[in-house]
Amino acid sequence: MSYKALLTIATLILAVGCAPQAEIVKLRNEMNDLRTEMRSENKELKGRVPDLSGIEKRQDQLAADIKSTADLQQSVADQGARFDQLMTDLQIMQGKLEENNFRMKEMSQKLDDKAYQLSELTARVDQLESKLRSAPAVTATAEKKPGARTPSPSEAYQQAKTDYDKGSFDLAIAGFVNYLKQFPDASQADSAQYWIGECYYSKKEYGKAIEEFDKVLKNHPKSEKAPGARLKIGYSYLNERNTAKAKEHLNRVVKDYPSSKEAALAKEKLKKIAQ
């Protein structure tokens, strides 16, 4: 084989040996480029994805808020149950208070009657002693002549109230006025004064009704009849078409006796006036 042929063969062998090496280098370069692109894309992806740690914190806070809300709801439910129980207890106490007030009124009327009887007996004893001192010759028979029996405080009051219930307003007025003259310090004096106002109100004599109801407020400001008297003054002014005065007294009912049934009636009337 000639030198030239050998050289050619050697050149071909070198070329064949260099070809895989160049391919490897190329592949390595491509791999490096691919790694570079992957790192770049990974950075870009991280920039686009939100920080999950913040979301987790918000989730934890939300869970805590939900638990707090659940606890609050349970607390509200417990408070509601307690409130219902308190309202029930209050109604029971209110019923007992009304019953006690009724009994106290009965006892007060009985005491009025006893006091009246005692005063009558005292007066009779004084009268007898006076007559015995001035005229000892007077016979016992003459002393025993019965006079007209004066009704007791409770009887006088009840008779006037019965006349009112029957619609005999003039008789009722006379009866209550007489009651107040005879027993000005009796336990039912405030009620008697109130019913005089009601009599005039029923007769549609609103000016006189206002005067009589006003006496309740002046003479018995702490009476249980005071809220009703103030309310009826407002009604009376409304019937007289004096809306300004009516609103003034109705608002006073709401302000001075906020928890009373009269306050509820006053609010309803004020709503109707505003319409």
C-alpha atoms as a PDB file:
ATOM      1  CA  MET A   1       0.000   0.000   0.000  1.00  0.00           C
ATOM      2  CA  SER A   2       1.295   3.376  -0.936  1.00  0.00           C
ATOM      3  CA  TYR A   3       2.051   6.143   1.490  1.00  0.00           C
ATOM      4  CA  LYS A   4      -0.729   8.192   0.056  1.00  0.00           C
ATOM      5  CA  ALA A   5      -3.225   5.449   0.620  1.00  0.00           C
ATOM      6  CA  LEU A   6      -2.067   4.995   4.173  1.00  0.00           C
ATOM      7  CA  LEU A   7      -2.403   8.701   4.801  1.00  0.00           C
ATOM      8  CA  THR A   8      -5.901   8.662   3.427  1.00  0.00           C
ATOM      9  CA  ILE A   9      -6.853   5.715   5.628  1.00  0.00           C
ATOM     10  CA  ALA A  10      -5.358   7.427   8.704  1.00  0.00           C
ATOM     11  CA  THR A  11      -7.261  10.606   7.929  1.00  0.00           C
ATOM     12  CA  LEU A  12     -10.518   8.663   7.638  1.00  0.00           C
ATOM     13  CA  ILE A  13      -9.839   6.883  10.944  1.00  0.00           C
ATOM     14  CA  LEU A  14      -9.199  10.229  12.708  1.00  0.00           C
ATOM     15  CA  ALA A  15     -12.326  11.705  11.166  1.00  0.00           C
ATOM     16  CA  VAL A  16     -14.382   8.741  12.327  1.00  0.00           C
ATOM     17  CA  GLY A  17     -12.899   9.049  15.861  1.00  0.00           C
ATOM     18  CA  CYS A  18     -13.517  12.820  16.090  1.00  0.00           C
ATOM     19  CA  ALA A  19     -17.149  12.599  14.983  1.00  0.00           C
ATOM     20  CA  PRO A  20     -18.505  11.013  18.232  1.00  0.00           C
ATOM     21  CA  GLN A  21     -16.476  13.435  20.328  1.00  0.00           C
ATOM     22  CA  ALA A  22     -17.963  16.446  18.572  1.00  0.00           C
ATOM     23  CA  GLU A  23     -21.447  14.962  18.940  1.00  0.00           C
ATOM     24  CA  ILE A  24     -20.910  14.516  22.668  1.00  0.00           C
ATOM     25  CA  VAL A  25     -19.783  18.113  23.040  1.00  0.00           C
ATOM     26  CA  LYS A  26     -22.824  19.256  21.141  1.00  0.00           C
ATOM     27  CA  LEU A  27     -25.129  17.200  23.302  1.00  0.00           C
ATOM     28  CA  ARG A  28     -23.514  18.542  26.440  1.00  0.00           C
ATOM     29  CA  ASN A  29     -23.965  22.093  25.231  1.00  0.00           C
ATOM     30  CA  GLU A  30     -27.619  21.425  24.505  1.00  0.00           C
ATOM     31  CA  MET A  31     -28.080  19.909  27.962  1.00  0.00           C
ATOM     32  CA  ASN A  32     -26.474  22.959  29.563  1.00  0.00           C
ATOM     33  CA  ASP A  33     -28.714  25.250  27.545  1.00  0.00           C
ATOM     34  CA  LEU A  34     -31.736  23.178  28.587  1.00  0.00           C
ATOM     35  CA  ARG A  35     -30.728  23.371  32.242  1.00  0.00           C
ATOM     36  CA  THR A  36     -30.311  27.135  31.915  1.00  0.00           C
ATOM     37  CA  GLU A  37     -33.776  27.474  30.376  1.00  0.00           C
ATOM     38  CA  MET A  38     -35.290  25.266  33.085  1.00  0.00           C
ATOM     39  CA  ARG A  39     -33.735  27.370  35.842  1.00  0.00           C
ATOM     40  CA  SER A  40     -34.984  30.530  34.173  1.00  0.00           C
ATOM     41  CA  GLU A  41     -38.505  29.146  33.773  1.00  0.00           C
ATOM     42  CA  ASN A  42     -38.484  27.860  37.334  1.00  0.00           C
ATOM     43  CA  LYS A  43     -37.629  31.342  38.624  1.00  0.00           C
ATOM     44  CA  GLU A  44     -40.365  32.848  36.479  1.00  0.00           C
ATOM     45  CA  LEU A  45     -42.843  30.255  37.738  1.00  0.00           C
ATOM     46  CA  LYS A  46     -41.974  31.013  41.348  1.00  0.00           C
ATOM     47  CA  GLY A  47     -42.562  34.673  40.684  1.00  0.00           C
ATOM     48  CA  ARG A  48     -46.023  33.961  39.342  1.00  0.00           C
ATOM     49  CA  VAL A  49     -47.146  31.516  42.047  1.00  0.00           C
ATOM     50  CA  PRO A  50     -48.399  33.347  45.204  1.00  0.00           C
ATOM     51  CA  ASP A  51     -46.734  32.918  48.541  1.00  0.00           C
ATOM     52  CA  LEU A  52     -48.554  29.966  50.057  1.00  0.00           C
ATOM     53  CA  SER A  53     -47.303  30.767  53.525  1.00  0.00           C
ATOM     54  CA  GLY A  54     -49.510  33.888  53.606  1.00  0.00           C
ATOM     55  CA  ILE A  55     -52.513  31.862  52.473  1.00  0.00           C
ATOM     56  CA  GLU A  56     -51.882  29.305  55.178  1.00  0.00           C
ATOM     57  CA  LYS A  57     -51.768  32.066  57.781  1.00  0.00           C
ATOM     58  CA  ARG A  58     -55.069  33.439  56.508  1.00  0.00           C
ATOM     59  CA  GLN A  59     -56.570  29.966  56.643  1.00  0.00           C
ATOM     60  CA  ASP A  60     -55.435  29.591  60.233  1.00  0.00           C
ATOM     61  CA  GLN A  61     -56.923  32.991  61.097  1.00  0.00           C
ATOM     62  CA  LEU A  62     -60.163  32.094  59.322  1.00  0.00           C
ATOM     63  CA  ALA A  63     -60.367  28.847  61.246  1.00  0.00           C
ATOM     64  CA  ALA A  64     -59.823  30.759  64.483  1.00  0.00           C
ATOM     65  CA  ASP A  65     -62.518  33.281  63.501  1.00  0.00           C
ATOM     66  CA  ILE A  66     -64.947  30.464  62.696  1.00  0.00           C
ATOM     67  CA  LYS A  67     -64.315  28.888  66.080  1.00  0.00           C
ATOM     68  CA  SER A  68     -64.708  32.253  67.759  1.00  0.00           C
ATOM     69  CA  THR A  69     -67.977  32.808  65.875  1.00  0.00           C
ATOM     70  CA  ALA A  70     -69.221  29.367  66.902  1.00  0.00           C
ATOM     71  CA  ASP A  71     -68.319  30.137  70.508  1.00  0.00           C
ATOM     72  CA  LEU A  72     -70.087  33.489  70.230  1.00  0.00           C
ATOM     73  CA  GLN A  73     -73.198  31.866  68.763  1.00  0.00           C
ATOM     74  CA  GLN A  74     -73.240  29.369  71.608  1.00  0.00           C
ATOM     75  CA  SER A  75     -72.801  32.201  74.078  1.00  0.00           C
ATOM     76  CA  VAL A  76     -75.653  34.129  72.447  1.00  0.00           C
ATOM     77  CA  ALA A  77     -77.825  31.017  72.570  1.00  0.00           C
ATOM     78  CA  ASP A  78     -76.986  30.574  76.249  1.00  0.00           C
ATOM     79  CA  GLN A  79     -77.725  34.226  76.922  1.00  0.00           C
ATOM     80  CA  GLY A  80     -81.005  33.894  75.031  1.00  0.00           C
ATOM     81  CA  ALA A  81     -82.018  30.945  77.182  1.00  0.00           C
ATOM     82  CA  ARG A  82     -81.087  32.875  80.299  1.00  0.00           C
ATOM     83  CA  PHE A  83     -83.035  35.897  79.057  1.00  0.00           C
ATOM     84  CA  ASP A  84     -86.116  33.739  78.420  1.00  0.00           C
ATOM     85  CA  GLN A  85     -85.812  32.325  81.923  1.00  0.00           C
ATOM     86  CA  LEU A  86     -85.431  35.802  83.379  1.00  0.00           C
ATOM     87  CA  MET A  87     -88.527  36.970  81.492  1.00  0.00           C
ATOM     88  CA  THR A  88     -90.472  34.000  82.812  1.00  0.00           C
ATOM     89  CA  ASP A  89     -89.295  34.735  86.349  1.00  0.00           C
ATOM     90  CA  LEU A  90     -90.177  38.402  85.861  1.00  0.00           C
ATOM     91  CA  GLN A  91     -93.693  37.537  84.715  1.00  0.00           C
ATOM     92  CA  ILE A  92     -94.155  35.282  87.725  1.00  0.00           C
ATOM     93  CA  MET A  93     -92.886  38.026  90.016  1.00  0.00           C
ATOM     94  CA  GLN A  94     -95.137  40.555  88.273  1.00  0.00           C
ATOM     95  CA  GLY A  95     -98.116  38.282  88.843  1.00  0.00           C
ATOM     96  CA  LYS A  96     -97.212  37.881  92.492  1.00  0.00           C
ATOM     97  CA  LEU A  97     -96.706  41.634  92.829  1.00  0.00           C
ATOM     98  CA  GLU A  98    -100.134  42.340  91.336  1.00  0.00           C
ATOM     99  CA  GLU A  99    -101.660  39.765  93.652  1.00  0.00           C
ATOM    100  CA  ASN A 100     -99.899  41.327  96.630  1.00  0.00           C
ATOM    101  CA  ASN A 101    -101.044  44.794  95.553  1.00  0.00           C
ATOM    102  CA  PHE A 102    -104.610  43.549  95.344  1.00  0.00           C
ATOM    103  CA  ARG A 103    -104.372  42.030  98.799  1.00  0.00           C
ATOM    104  CA  MET A 104    -102.813  45.204 100.161  1.00  0.00           C
ATOM    105  CA  LYS A 105    -105.699  47.218  98.734  1.00  0.00           C
ATOM    106  CA  GLU A 106    -108.161  44.907 100.387  1.00  0.00           C
ATOM    107  CA  MET A 107    -106.295  45.182 103.677  1.00  0.00           C
ATOM    108  CA  SER A 108    -106.089  48.971 103.314  1.00  0.00           C
ATOM    109  CA  GLN A 109    -109.840  49.182 102.760  1.00  0.00           C
ATOM    110  CA  LYS A 110    -110.430  46.995 105.806  1.00  0.00           C
ATOM    111  CA  LEU A 111    -108.141  49.222 107.840  1.00  0.00           C
ATOM    112  CA  ASP A 112    -110.052  52.256 106.559  1.00  0.00           C
ATOM    113  CA  ASP A 113    -113.289  50.627 107.744  1.00  0.00           C
ATOM    114  CA  LYS A 114    -111.793  49.723 111.123  1.00  0.00           C
ATOM    115  CA  ALA A 115    -110.459  53.231 111.583  1.00  0.00           C
ATOM    116  CA  TYR A 116    -113.838  54.659 110.652  1.00  0.00           C
ATOM    117  CA  GLN A 117    -115.633  52.336 113.070  1.00  0.00           C
ATOM    118  CA  LEU A 118    -113.201  53.288 115.781  1.00  0.00           C
ATOM    119  CA  SER A 119    -113.747  56.984 115.156  1.00  0.00           C
ATOM    120  CA  GLU A 120    -117.519  56.446 115.161  1.00  0.00           C
ATOM    121  CA  LEU A 121    -117.354  54.588 118.453  1.00  0.00           C
ATOM    122  CA  THR A 122    -115.087  57.231 119.933  1.00  0.00           C
ATOM    123  CA  ALA A 123    -117.495  59.970 118.837  1.00  0.00           C
ATOM    124  CA  ARG A 124    -120.459  58.106 120.322  1.00  0.00           C
ATOM    125  CA  VAL A 125    -118.629  57.554 123.604  1.00  0.00           C
ATOM    126  CA  ASP A 126    -117.684  61.217 123.752  1.00  0.00           C
ATOM    127  CA  GLN A 127    -121.275  62.175 122.973  1.00  0.00           C
ATOM    128  CA  LEU A 128    -122.678  59.889 125.638  1.00  0.00           C
ATOM    129  CA  GLU A 129    -120.208  61.128 128.227  1.00  0.00           C
ATOM    130  CA  SER A 130    -121.073  64.724 127.365  1.00  0.00           C
ATOM    131  CA  LYS A 131    -124.782  64.075 127.659  1.00  0.00           C
ATOM    132  CA  LEU A 132    -124.314  62.208 130.899  1.00  0.00           C
ATOM    133  CA  ARG A 133    -122.388  65.134 132.363  1.00  0.00           C
ATOM    134  CA  SER A 134    -124.859  67.775 131.173  1.00  0.00           C
ATOM    135  CA  ALA A 135    -128.140  65.881 131.609  1.00  0.00           C
ATOM    136  CA  PRO A 136    -127.838  62.935 133.980  1.00  0.00           C
ATOM    137  CA  ALA A 137    -131.607  62.506 134.052  1.00  0.00           C
ATOM    138  CA  VAL A 138    -131.802  61.441 130.413  1.00  0.00           C
ATOM    139  CA  THR A 139    -133.161  57.952 130.209  1.00  0.00           C
ATOM    140  CA  ALA A 140    -131.265  55.103 128.642  1.00  0.00           C
ATOM    141  CA  THR A 141    -134.117  54.573 126.201  1.00  0.00           C
ATOM    142  CA  ALA A 142    -133.696  58.064 124.773  1.00  0.00           C
ATOM    143  CA  GLU A 143    -129.995  57.503 124.296  1.00  0.00           C
ATOM    144  CA  LYS A 144    -130.565  54.360 122.295  1.00  0.00           C
ATOM    145  CA  LYS A 145    -132.525  55.960 119.485  1.00  0.00           C
ATOM    146  CA  PRO A 146    -130.765  54.838 116.325  1.00  0.00           C
ATOM    147  CA  GLY A 147    -129.767  57.428 113.799  1.00  0.00           C
ATOM    148  CA  ALA A 148    -129.129  57.053 110.073  1.00  0.00           C
ATOM    149  CA  ARG A 149    -126.255  54.665 109.520  1.00  0.00           C
ATOM    150  CA  THR A 150    -123.289  56.217 107.727  1.00  0.00           C
ATOM    151  CA  PRO A 151    -121.658  53.847 105.206  1.00  0.00           C
ATOM    152  CA  SER A 152    -118.097  52.756 105.807  1.00  0.00           C
ATOM    153  CA  PRO A 153    -115.282  53.991 103.497  1.00  0.00           C
ATOM    154  CA  SER A 154    -115.236  50.775 101.466  1.00  0.00           C
ATOM    155  CA  GLU A 155    -119.036  50.782 101.139  1.00  0.00           C
ATOM    156  CA  ALA A 156    -119.090  54.412 100.017  1.00  0.00           C
ATOM    157  CA  TYR A 157    -116.353  53.818  97.467  1.00  0.00           C
ATOM    158  CA  GLN A 158    -117.887  50.627  96.125  1.00  0.00           C
ATOM    159  CA  GLN A 159    -121.303  52.243  95.745  1.00  0.00           C
ATOM    160  CA  ALA A 160    -119.817  55.102  93.686  1.00  0.00           C
ATOM    161  CA  LYS A 161    -117.844  52.626  91.574  1.00  0.00           C
ATOM    162  CA  THR A 162    -120.972  50.565  90.961  1.00  0.00           C
ATOM    163  CA  ASP A 163    -122.771  53.699  89.753  1.00  0.00           C
ATOM    164  CA  TYR A 164    -119.885  54.358  87.353  1.00  0.00           C
ATOM    165  CA  ASP A 165    -119.970  50.790  86.029  1.00  0.00           C
ATOM    166  CA  LYS A 166    -123.710  51.163  85.396  1.00  0.00           C
ATOM    167  CA  GLY A 167    -123.113  54.369  83.439  1.00  0.00           C
ATOM    168  CA  SER A 168    -124.726  56.570  86.087  1.00  0.00           C
ATOM    169  CA  PHE A 169    -121.915  59.067  85.878  1.00  0.00           C
ATOM    170  CA  ASP A 170    -123.581  61.933  87.778  1.00  0.00           C
ATOM    171  CA  LEU A 171    -124.383  59.641  90.713  1.00  0.00           C
ATOM    172  CA  ALA A 172    -120.848  58.274  90.589  1.00  0.00           C
ATOM    173  CA  ILE A 173    -119.355  61.772  90.636  1.00  0.00           C
ATOM    174  CA  ALA A 174    -121.485  62.698  93.654  1.00  0.00           C
ATOM    175  CA  GLY A 175    -120.511  59.475  95.405  1.00  0.00           C
ATOM    176  CA  PHE A 176    -116.779  59.871  94.815  1.00  0.00           C
ATOM    177  CA  VAL A 177    -116.852  63.546  95.801  1.00  0.00           C
ATOM    178  CA  ASN A 178    -118.657  62.632  99.012  1.00  0.00           C
ATOM    179  CA  TYR A 179    -116.145  59.868  99.641  1.00  0.00           C
ATOM    180  CA  LEU A 180    -113.263  62.319  99.341  1.00  0.00           C
ATOM    181  CA  LYS A 181    -114.976  64.792 101.675  1.00  0.00           C
ATOM    182  CA  GLN A 182    -115.671  62.185 104.334  1.00  0.00           C
ATOM    183  CA  PHE A 183    -112.472  60.178 103.968  1.00  0.00           C
ATOM    184  CA  PRO A 184    -109.787  62.429 102.461  1.00  0.00           C
ATOM    185  CA  ASP A 185    -106.967  60.287 103.842  1.00  0.00           C
ATOM    186  CA  ALA A 186    -108.464  56.906 102.928  1.00  0.00           C
ATOM    187  CA  SER A 187    -106.440  54.409 100.925  1.00  0.00           C
ATOM    188  CA  GLN A 188    -108.696  54.761  97.872  1.00  0.00           C
ATOM    189  CA  ALA A 189    -108.598  58.565  97.724  1.00  0.00           C
ATOM    190  CA  ASP A 190    -106.368  58.536  94.625  1.00  0.00           C
ATOM    191  CA  SER A 191    -108.647  56.052  92.852  1.00  0.00           C
ATOM    192  CA  ALA A 192    -111.757  58.039  93.759  1.00  0.00           C
ATOM    193  CA  GLN A 193    -110.193  61.172  92.281  1.00  0.00           C
ATOM    194  CA  TYR A 194    -109.229  59.268  89.143  1.00  0.00           C
ATOM    195  CA  TRP A 195    -112.744  57.904  88.616  1.00  0.00           C
ATOM    196  CA  ILE A 196    -114.194  61.398  88.875  1.00  0.00           C
ATOM    197  CA  GLY A 197    -112.027  62.270  85.875  1.00  0.00           C
ATOM    198  CA  GLU A 198    -113.202  59.124  84.081  1.00  0.00           C
ATOM    199  CA  CYS A 199    -116.816  60.083  84.706  1.00  0.00           C
ATOM    200  CA  TYR A 200    -116.334  63.472  83.041  1.00  0.00           C
ATOM    201  CA  TYR A 201    -114.362  61.828  80.222  1.00  0.00           C
ATOM    202  CA  SER A 202    -117.218  59.398  79.607  1.00  0.00           C
ATOM    203  CA  LYS A 203    -119.623  62.359  79.547  1.00  0.00           C
ATOM    204  CA  LYS A 204    -117.323  63.947  76.933  1.00  0.00           C
ATOM    205  CA  GLU A 205    -116.769  66.947  79.199  1.00  0.00           C
ATOM    206  CA  TYR A 206    -113.075  66.927  78.412  1.00  0.00           C
ATOM    207  CA  GLY A 207    -112.200  70.240  80.049  1.00  0.00           C
ATOM    208  CA  LYS A 208    -113.520  69.063  83.431  1.00  0.00           C
ATOM    209  CA  ALA A 209    -111.912  65.662  82.887  1.00  0.00           C
ATOM    210  CA  ILE A 210    -108.529  67.335  82.441  1.00  0.00           C
ATOM    211  CA  GLU A 211    -109.007  69.278  85.688  1.00  0.00           C
ATOM    212  CA  GLU A 212    -109.900  66.147  87.671  1.00  0.00           C
ATOM    213  CA  PHE A 213    -107.119  64.010  86.200  1.00  0.00           C
ATOM    214  CA  ASP A 214    -104.670  66.805  86.943  1.00  0.00           C
ATOM    215  CA  LYS A 215    -105.684  66.599  90.621  1.00  0.00           C
ATOM    216  CA  VAL A 216    -104.520  62.993  90.637  1.00  0.00           C
ATOM    217  CA  LEU A 217    -101.083  64.065  89.405  1.00  0.00           C
ATOM    218  CA  LYS A 218    -100.836  66.951  91.869  1.00  0.00           C
ATOM    219  CA  ASN A 219    -102.254  65.283  94.980  1.00  0.00           C
ATOM    220  CA  HIS A 220    -101.129  61.710  94.333  1.00  0.00           C
ATOM    221  CA  PRO A 221     -98.028  61.879  92.093  1.00  0.00           C
ATOM    222  CA  LYS A 222     -96.798  58.414  93.098  1.00  0.00           C
ATOM    223  CA  SER A 223    -100.161  56.718  92.753  1.00  0.00           C
ATOM    224  CA  GLU A 224    -100.606  53.767  90.403  1.00  0.00           C
ATOM    225  CA  LYS A 225    -103.365  55.859  88.845  1.00  0.00           C
ATOM    226  CA  ALA A 226    -100.905  58.595  87.812  1.00  0.00           C
ATOM    227  CA  PRO A 227     -99.914  57.022  84.444  1.00  0.00           C
ATOM    228  CA  GLY A 228    -103.579  56.564  83.515  1.00  0.00           C
ATOM    229  CA  ALA A 229    -104.410  60.113  84.546  1.00  0.00           C
ATOM    230  CA  ARG A 230    -101.594  61.513  82.390  1.00  0.00           C
ATOM    231  CA  LEU A 231    -102.681  59.334  79.471  1.00  0.00           C
ATOM    232  CA  LYS A 232    -106.314  60.453  79.733  1.00  0.00           C
ATOM    233  CA  ILE A 233    -105.236  64.100  79.858  1.00  0.00           C
ATOM    234  CA  GLY A 234    -103.518  63.498  76.522  1.00  0.00           C
ATOM    235  CA  TYR A 235    -106.639  61.804  75.133  1.00  0.00           C
ATOM    236  CA  SER A 236    -108.807  64.648  76.383  1.00  0.00           C
ATOM    237  CA  TYR A 237    -106.679  67.270  74.659  1.00  0.00           C
ATOM    238  CA  LEU A 238    -106.785  65.182  71.492  1.00  0.00           C
ATOM    239  CA  ASN A 239    -110.585  65.099  71.638  1.00  0.00           C
ATOM    240  CA  GLU A 240    -110.499  68.878  72.010  1.00  0.00           C
ATOM    241  CA  ARG A 241    -108.350  68.961  68.843  1.00  0.00           C
ATOM    242  CA  ASN A 242    -105.418  70.424  70.747  1.00  0.00           C
ATOM    243  CA  THR A 243    -102.810  68.188  69.125  1.00  0.00           C
ATOM    244  CA  ALA A 244     -99.812  70.029  70.559  1.00  0.00           C
ATOM    245  CA  LYS A 245    -100.983  69.580  74.153  1.00  0.00           C
ATOM    246  CA  ALA A 246    -102.025  66.010  73.456  1.00  0.00           C
ATOM    247  CA  LYS A 247     -98.561  65.096  72.145  1.00  0.00           C
ATOM    248  CA  GLU A 248     -96.936  66.836  75.101  1.00  0.00           C
ATOM    249  CA  HIS A 249     -98.792  64.696  77.651  1.00  0.00           C
ATOM    250  CA  LEU A 250     -98.541  61.481  75.657  1.00  0.00           C
ATOM    251  CA  ASN A 251     -94.784  61.931  75.404  1.00  0.00           C
ATOM    252  CA  ARG A 252     -94.688  62.548  79.148  1.00  0.00           C
ATOM    253  CA  VAL A 253     -96.382  59.187  79.676  1.00  0.00           C
ATOM    254  CA  VAL A 254     -93.696  57.459  77.592  1.00  0.00           C
ATOM    255  CA  LYS A 255     -90.911  59.337  79.369  1.00  0.00           C
ATOM    256  CA  ASP A 256     -92.150  59.113  82.965  1.00  0.00           C
ATOM    257  CA  TYR A 257     -93.641  55.598  82.861  1.00  0.00           C
ATOM    258  CA  PRO A 258     -91.678  53.766  80.119  1.00  0.00           C
ATOM    259  CA  SER A 259     -92.500  50.235  81.289  1.00  0.00           C
ATOM    260  CA  SER A 260     -96.213  50.777  81.872  1.00  0.00           C
ATOM    261  CA  LYS A 261     -99.098  49.618  79.699  1.00  0.00           C
ATOM    262  CA  GLU A 262    -100.107  53.282  79.464  1.00  0.00           C
ATOM    263  CA  ALA A 263     -96.757  54.015  77.761  1.00  0.00           C
ATOM    264  CA  ALA A 264     -97.540  51.409  75.097  1.00  0.00           C
ATOM    265  CA  LEU A 265    -100.967  52.984  74.507  1.00  0.00           C
ATOM    266  CA  ALA A 266     -99.393  56.443  74.324  1.00  0.00           C
ATOM    267  CA  LYS A 267     -96.890  55.256  71.697  1.00  0.00           C
ATOM    268  CA  GLU A 268     -99.691  53.809  69.567  1.00  0.00           C
ATOM    269  CA  LYS A 269    -101.659  57.038  69.794  1.00  0.00           C
ATOM    270  CA  LEU A 270     -98.588  59.106  68.878  1.00  0.00           C
ATOM    271  CA  LYS A 271     -98.063  56.922  65.792  1.00  0.00           C
ATOM    272  CA  LYS A 272    -101.632  57.532  64.682  1.00  0.00           C
ATOM    273  CA  ILE A 273    -101.223  61.280  65.225  1.00  0.00           C
ATOM    274  CA  ALA A 274     -98.070  61.253  63.060  1.00  0.00           C
ATOM    275  CA  GLN A 275     -99.822  59.523  60.144  1.00  0.00           C
END
